Protein backbone atom coordinates (compact mmCIF):
# COMPACT_ATOMS: atom_id res chain seq x y z
CA MET A 1 18.54 1.14 -23.31
CA VAL A 2 19.14 4.75 -21.95
CA THR A 3 20.15 4.38 -18.94
CA MET A 4 22.84 2.12 -19.85
CA PHE A 5 23.66 4.54 -22.30
CA PHE A 6 24.82 7.44 -19.76
CA LEU A 7 25.97 4.84 -17.13
CA ALA A 8 28.27 3.78 -20.05
CA LEU A 9 28.93 7.59 -20.08
CA SER A 10 29.29 8.21 -16.76
CA PHE A 11 32.06 5.40 -16.11
CA ALA A 12 33.68 6.63 -19.77
CA ALA A 13 34.25 9.76 -18.37
CA LEU A 14 35.51 8.91 -14.78
CA THR A 15 38.23 6.12 -16.37
CA SER A 16 39.47 8.98 -18.46
CA MET A 17 39.52 11.27 -15.54
CA ILE A 18 41.97 9.05 -14.19
CA SER A 19 44.28 9.19 -16.49
CA THR A 20 43.79 13.10 -16.80
CA VAL A 21 44.51 13.08 -13.18
CA GLU A 22 48.14 10.60 -13.18
CA LEU A 23 49.52 12.75 -15.44
CA CYS A 24 49.87 15.72 -12.90
CA VAL A 25 50.42 13.13 -10.45
CA ARG A 26 53.19 10.74 -11.99
CA ASN A 27 55.42 14.68 -12.92
CA PHE A 28 55.13 15.18 -8.66
CA VAL A 29 55.91 11.88 -7.89
CA ASP A 30 59.18 11.90 -10.88
CA HIS A 31 60.41 14.54 -8.33
CA GLY A 32 60.41 12.81 -5.25
CA VAL A 33 57.06 13.97 -3.70
CA GLU A 34 55.13 11.02 -2.14
CA ARG A 35 52.16 9.22 -4.16
CA SER A 36 49.23 9.99 -1.39
CA GLN A 37 50.10 13.47 -1.05
CA ALA A 38 50.19 14.16 -4.53
CA VAL A 39 47.50 12.79 -5.24
CA GLY A 40 45.75 14.68 -2.28
CA PHE A 41 46.72 17.88 -3.86
CA THR A 42 45.79 17.11 -7.09
CA GLY A 43 42.44 16.33 -6.72
CA GLY A 44 42.03 18.96 -4.16
CA ALA A 45 43.28 21.92 -6.77
CA LEU A 46 40.69 20.16 -8.96
CA PHE A 47 37.80 20.09 -6.59
CA LEU A 48 38.46 23.98 -6.11
CA PHE A 49 39.03 25.06 -9.70
CA GLY A 50 36.04 22.62 -10.33
CA ILE A 51 33.56 25.16 -7.91
CA PRO A 52 33.23 27.34 -10.71
CA SER A 53 31.79 24.93 -13.13
CA ALA A 54 29.32 23.45 -10.56
CA ALA A 55 27.73 27.04 -9.02
CA LEU A 56 27.94 28.42 -12.53
CA TRP A 57 24.67 30.35 -13.88
CA ILE A 58 22.61 30.09 -16.65
CA LEU A 59 21.59 32.86 -19.26
CA MET A 60 19.24 32.74 -22.21
CA ASP A 61 19.85 33.91 -24.99
CA GLU A 62 18.18 36.92 -26.30
CA SER A 63 18.56 35.88 -30.07
CA THR A 64 16.99 32.04 -30.08
CA GLY A 65 15.76 31.68 -27.05
CA VAL A 66 18.31 28.78 -25.60
CA ALA A 67 19.32 28.82 -22.00
CA PHE A 68 23.47 28.25 -21.55
CA PRO A 69 25.96 28.14 -19.12
CA GLN A 70 27.86 31.23 -19.62
CA PHE A 71 30.56 30.19 -17.61
CA LEU A 72 31.50 26.96 -19.59
CA GLU A 73 31.23 28.76 -22.11
CA VAL A 74 33.47 30.68 -20.99
CA GLN A 75 35.79 28.25 -20.14
CA ASP A 76 35.35 26.28 -23.46
CA HIS A 77 35.91 29.16 -26.01
CA ILE A 78 39.61 29.89 -23.91
CA TRP A 79 40.72 26.63 -23.44
CA GLY A 80 39.86 24.50 -27.05
CA TYR A 81 42.73 26.44 -28.39
CA GLY A 82 44.36 26.29 -25.72
CA LEU A 83 45.29 22.56 -26.33
CA MET A 84 47.16 22.92 -28.96
CA PHE A 85 49.65 25.11 -26.44
CA SER A 86 50.15 21.73 -24.75
CA GLY A 87 51.07 20.22 -27.41
CA LEU A 88 53.50 23.00 -28.43
CA PHE A 89 55.22 22.15 -25.32
CA ILE A 90 55.65 18.52 -25.69
CA ALA A 91 57.19 19.39 -29.51
CA PHE A 92 59.70 22.19 -27.99
CA SER A 93 61.03 19.29 -25.49
CA ILE A 94 61.43 17.33 -28.18
CA TRP A 95 63.09 19.86 -30.51
CA LYS A 96 65.53 20.72 -27.75
CA TYR A 97 66.03 17.25 -26.64
CA GLY A 98 67.52 16.98 -30.05
CA TRP A 99 69.05 20.14 -30.57
CA ASN A 100 70.95 19.22 -27.13
CA ARG A 101 72.08 15.70 -28.36
CA TYR A 102 73.39 17.38 -31.94
CA LYS A 103 75.56 20.12 -29.36
CA VAL A 104 77.29 17.12 -27.50
CA TRP A 105 77.32 14.82 -30.32
CA GLN A 106 79.67 18.01 -31.74
CA ASP A 107 81.67 17.99 -28.51
CA GLU A 108 82.38 14.34 -28.73
CA ASN A 109 83.39 14.57 -32.30
CA ASP A 110 85.62 17.85 -31.81
CA ILE A 111 83.27 19.70 -34.63
CA GLU A 112 82.60 22.58 -35.29
CA GLY A 113 80.02 25.07 -36.81
CA PHE A 114 76.71 23.79 -37.54
CA ASP A 115 75.66 20.94 -40.58
CA PHE A 116 72.70 20.60 -42.05
CA ARG A 117 73.51 16.79 -42.65
CA ASP A 118 74.71 16.45 -39.24
CA TYR A 119 72.24 17.80 -37.57
CA LEU A 120 69.36 15.56 -38.90
CA ASP A 121 71.86 12.42 -38.58
CA ASN A 122 72.28 12.96 -35.10
CA GLY A 123 70.32 15.60 -33.43
CA VAL A 124 66.55 15.43 -35.21
CA SER A 125 66.17 11.18 -35.12
CA SER A 126 67.65 11.78 -31.13
CA PHE A 127 64.15 11.85 -29.26
CA ARG A 128 63.39 8.76 -31.59
CA ASP A 129 66.00 6.66 -30.73
CA ASP A 130 66.28 7.54 -27.26
CA PHE A 131 63.03 7.10 -26.25
CA ILE A 132 60.91 4.89 -29.22
CA ASN A 133 62.82 2.99 -30.82
CA THR A 134 64.33 1.43 -27.64
CA GLY A 135 64.22 -2.09 -28.87
CA ASP A 136 60.49 -3.03 -26.66
CA ASN A 137 58.90 -1.23 -29.04
CA ASP A 138 56.14 -3.44 -30.74
CA TRP A 139 56.48 -0.88 -33.56
CA TRP A 140 59.76 0.71 -35.10
CA ILE A 141 58.87 4.35 -35.92
CA GLY A 142 60.67 5.34 -39.15
CA LYS A 143 62.10 8.75 -40.25
CA TRP A 144 58.63 10.07 -40.87
CA TRP A 145 57.82 10.83 -37.47
CA ASP A 146 60.55 13.42 -37.44
CA TYR A 147 58.86 14.90 -40.37
CA ILE A 148 55.82 15.45 -38.56
CA MET A 149 57.61 17.02 -35.67
CA TYR A 150 59.69 18.99 -37.32
CA LEU A 151 58.25 19.67 -40.31
CA GLY A 152 53.87 19.22 -39.91
CA PHE A 153 53.45 20.22 -36.17
CA PRO A 154 54.63 23.65 -36.85
CA ILE A 155 52.32 24.55 -40.22
CA MET A 156 49.34 22.68 -38.77
CA PHE A 157 49.73 25.12 -35.46
CA THR A 158 50.37 27.89 -37.27
CA VAL A 159 47.38 27.82 -39.65
CA LEU A 160 45.38 26.37 -36.54
CA MET A 161 45.63 29.15 -34.25
CA GLY A 162 46.16 31.72 -36.88
CA SER A 163 42.49 30.79 -38.47
CA TYR A 164 41.66 31.10 -34.98
CA PHE A 165 42.94 34.77 -34.15
CA ILE A 166 41.53 35.67 -37.47
CA ASP A 167 38.12 34.86 -37.32
CA VAL A 168 37.60 35.80 -33.82
CA ILE A 169 39.00 39.87 -34.82
CA PHE A 170 36.92 39.56 -37.76
CA ASN A 171 33.46 37.97 -36.63
CA VAL A 172 33.42 39.25 -33.25
CA ASP A 173 32.48 42.61 -31.74
CA ASP A 174 34.79 44.22 -30.11
CA PRO A 175 37.00 41.61 -29.46
CA TRP A 176 40.16 42.83 -27.73
CA ASN A 177 37.56 43.88 -24.69
CA PRO A 178 38.90 41.87 -21.55
CA GLY A 179 35.14 41.84 -20.69
CA ASN A 180 33.87 40.13 -23.89
CA PRO A 181 33.48 36.16 -23.05
CA LYS A 182 33.79 35.05 -26.64
CA GLY A 183 36.75 38.42 -27.09
CA ILE A 184 40.46 37.20 -27.41
CA SER A 185 42.03 39.66 -24.11
CA ILE A 186 39.70 37.57 -21.87
CA VAL A 187 41.65 34.57 -23.37
CA LEU A 188 44.99 35.65 -23.13
CA LEU A 189 44.22 36.29 -19.71
CA PHE A 190 43.94 32.92 -18.78
CA TRP A 191 46.71 31.53 -20.65
CA GLY A 192 49.06 34.14 -19.47
CA PHE A 193 47.94 33.26 -15.62
CA THR A 194 48.57 29.75 -15.99
CA ALA A 195 51.49 29.88 -17.50
CA ALA A 196 53.18 31.67 -14.71
CA VAL A 197 51.23 29.62 -12.45
CA PHE A 198 52.92 26.75 -14.23
CA ILE A 199 55.97 28.50 -14.57
CA LEU A 200 56.59 29.47 -10.73
CA LEU A 201 55.87 25.58 -9.81
CA ASN A 202 58.16 24.50 -12.23
CA ARG A 203 61.41 27.03 -10.41
CA TRP A 204 60.40 24.68 -7.56
CA LEU A 205 60.41 21.03 -9.58
CA VAL A 206 63.76 21.43 -11.60
CA SER A 207 65.97 21.69 -8.39
CA ARG A 208 64.15 18.43 -7.21
CA PRO A 209 66.05 15.21 -8.94
CA LEU A 210 64.02 13.20 -10.76
CA TYR A 211 63.10 9.53 -10.86
CA ARG A 212 63.84 6.45 -13.61
CA ASN A 213 61.02 4.60 -14.33
CA VAL A 214 63.25 1.84 -14.55
CA PRO A 215 61.07 -1.30 -13.81
CA GLU A 216 61.59 -4.01 -11.25
CA GLY A 217 63.41 -6.70 -12.61
CA ALA A 218 65.08 -5.31 -15.90
CA GLU A 219 68.27 -4.95 -14.64
CA VAL A 220 69.01 -1.98 -16.75
CA PRO A 221 71.93 -0.19 -15.38
CA ILE A 222 70.51 3.79 -14.66
CA ASP A 223 73.68 5.37 -16.62
CA THR A 224 72.80 3.42 -19.92
CA LEU A 225 69.02 5.26 -20.00
CA PRO A 226 68.77 8.80 -21.62
CA GLY A 227 70.08 10.72 -19.25
CA GLY A 228 70.90 8.79 -16.48
CA GLU A 229 74.52 10.01 -16.12
CA ASP A 230 72.77 13.46 -15.34
CA ASP A 231 73.41 13.65 -11.04
CA MET A 232 69.90 14.59 -10.60
CA ILE A 233 68.82 11.49 -12.82
CA LEU A 234 68.04 8.64 -9.58
CA GLN A 235 66.18 5.54 -8.75
CA VAL A 236 64.30 4.48 -6.23
CA GLY A 237 66.14 3.69 -2.73
CA ASP A 238 69.22 5.90 -3.68
CA ILE A 239 70.64 8.63 -1.35
CA TRP A 240 70.16 12.31 -2.51
CA THR A 241 73.00 14.53 -1.23
CA GLY A 242 72.82 17.68 -3.55
CA GLY A 243 71.20 19.79 -0.62
CA ASP A 244 67.42 20.60 0.97
CA LEU A 245 64.41 19.04 -0.54
CA ASP A 246 61.93 20.58 1.49
CA GLY A 247 63.35 24.34 2.07
CA ASP A 248 62.67 23.75 5.58
CA GLY A 249 66.78 24.91 6.00
CA SER A 250 67.17 21.07 7.55
CA GLY A 251 69.10 20.47 4.74
CA LYS A 252 69.26 16.39 5.23
CA ASP A 253 69.59 13.82 3.06
CA ARG A 254 66.62 11.62 2.07
CA VAL A 255 66.38 8.26 0.99
CA LEU A 256 64.07 8.96 -1.91
CA VAL A 257 60.97 6.33 -1.71
CA ALA A 258 58.16 7.33 -4.32
CA GLU A 259 56.37 4.50 -6.37
CA LEU A 260 56.93 3.72 -9.36
CA ALA A 261 54.78 2.75 -11.93
């Protein structure tokens, strides 16, 4: 029975990692990187970044006499609440999309000035209408979803992050010491480094065309989909004529052949 439990636990860990890796790979594939290459360097990066965890050192807690892996303890401390920022970035993209759609609606209708009611009707609900309630969904998502994204999430984020930092400041000795594995400075340093890496990668990805995931046989014109009128939004087989994709100075056009899910 014990063997079956840990075997099932191993399969659960493996299958969850597949979806985690795919999340990263999918972003590169959507920007024209071959899937095999994206899987290769994503797996390689995970291996390299995982070495410290494999070579971790075990320390003994003098107060309890319990041995614990310090490196994993530190990473859990850093990224436990770092996941909240992942949710914040997703929410921000939804907020920004709604605001941009509202500005487009204003331009199309020659309306000047901000009106809160118009923003609710033509901005806040835009993401839900364009990407969720597309007609293919089994469940129709109502306005309650907008309230959660625009009101509920900011409140929950503020409460959770505020309580976390308040707890660390008042209950941890020397919380601003970067060498303190339970302090705040080490958290901010890791978050800042990761943010800098992502910003640099984003500057590279944002200049590349993006694929629309139109399932084969759907026969949906790409220009009818959200963002389909953008020159940087293409389909597999289209030819990109916007310049150099590889940074080698050749400036050659390329037929986009990335795999769609």
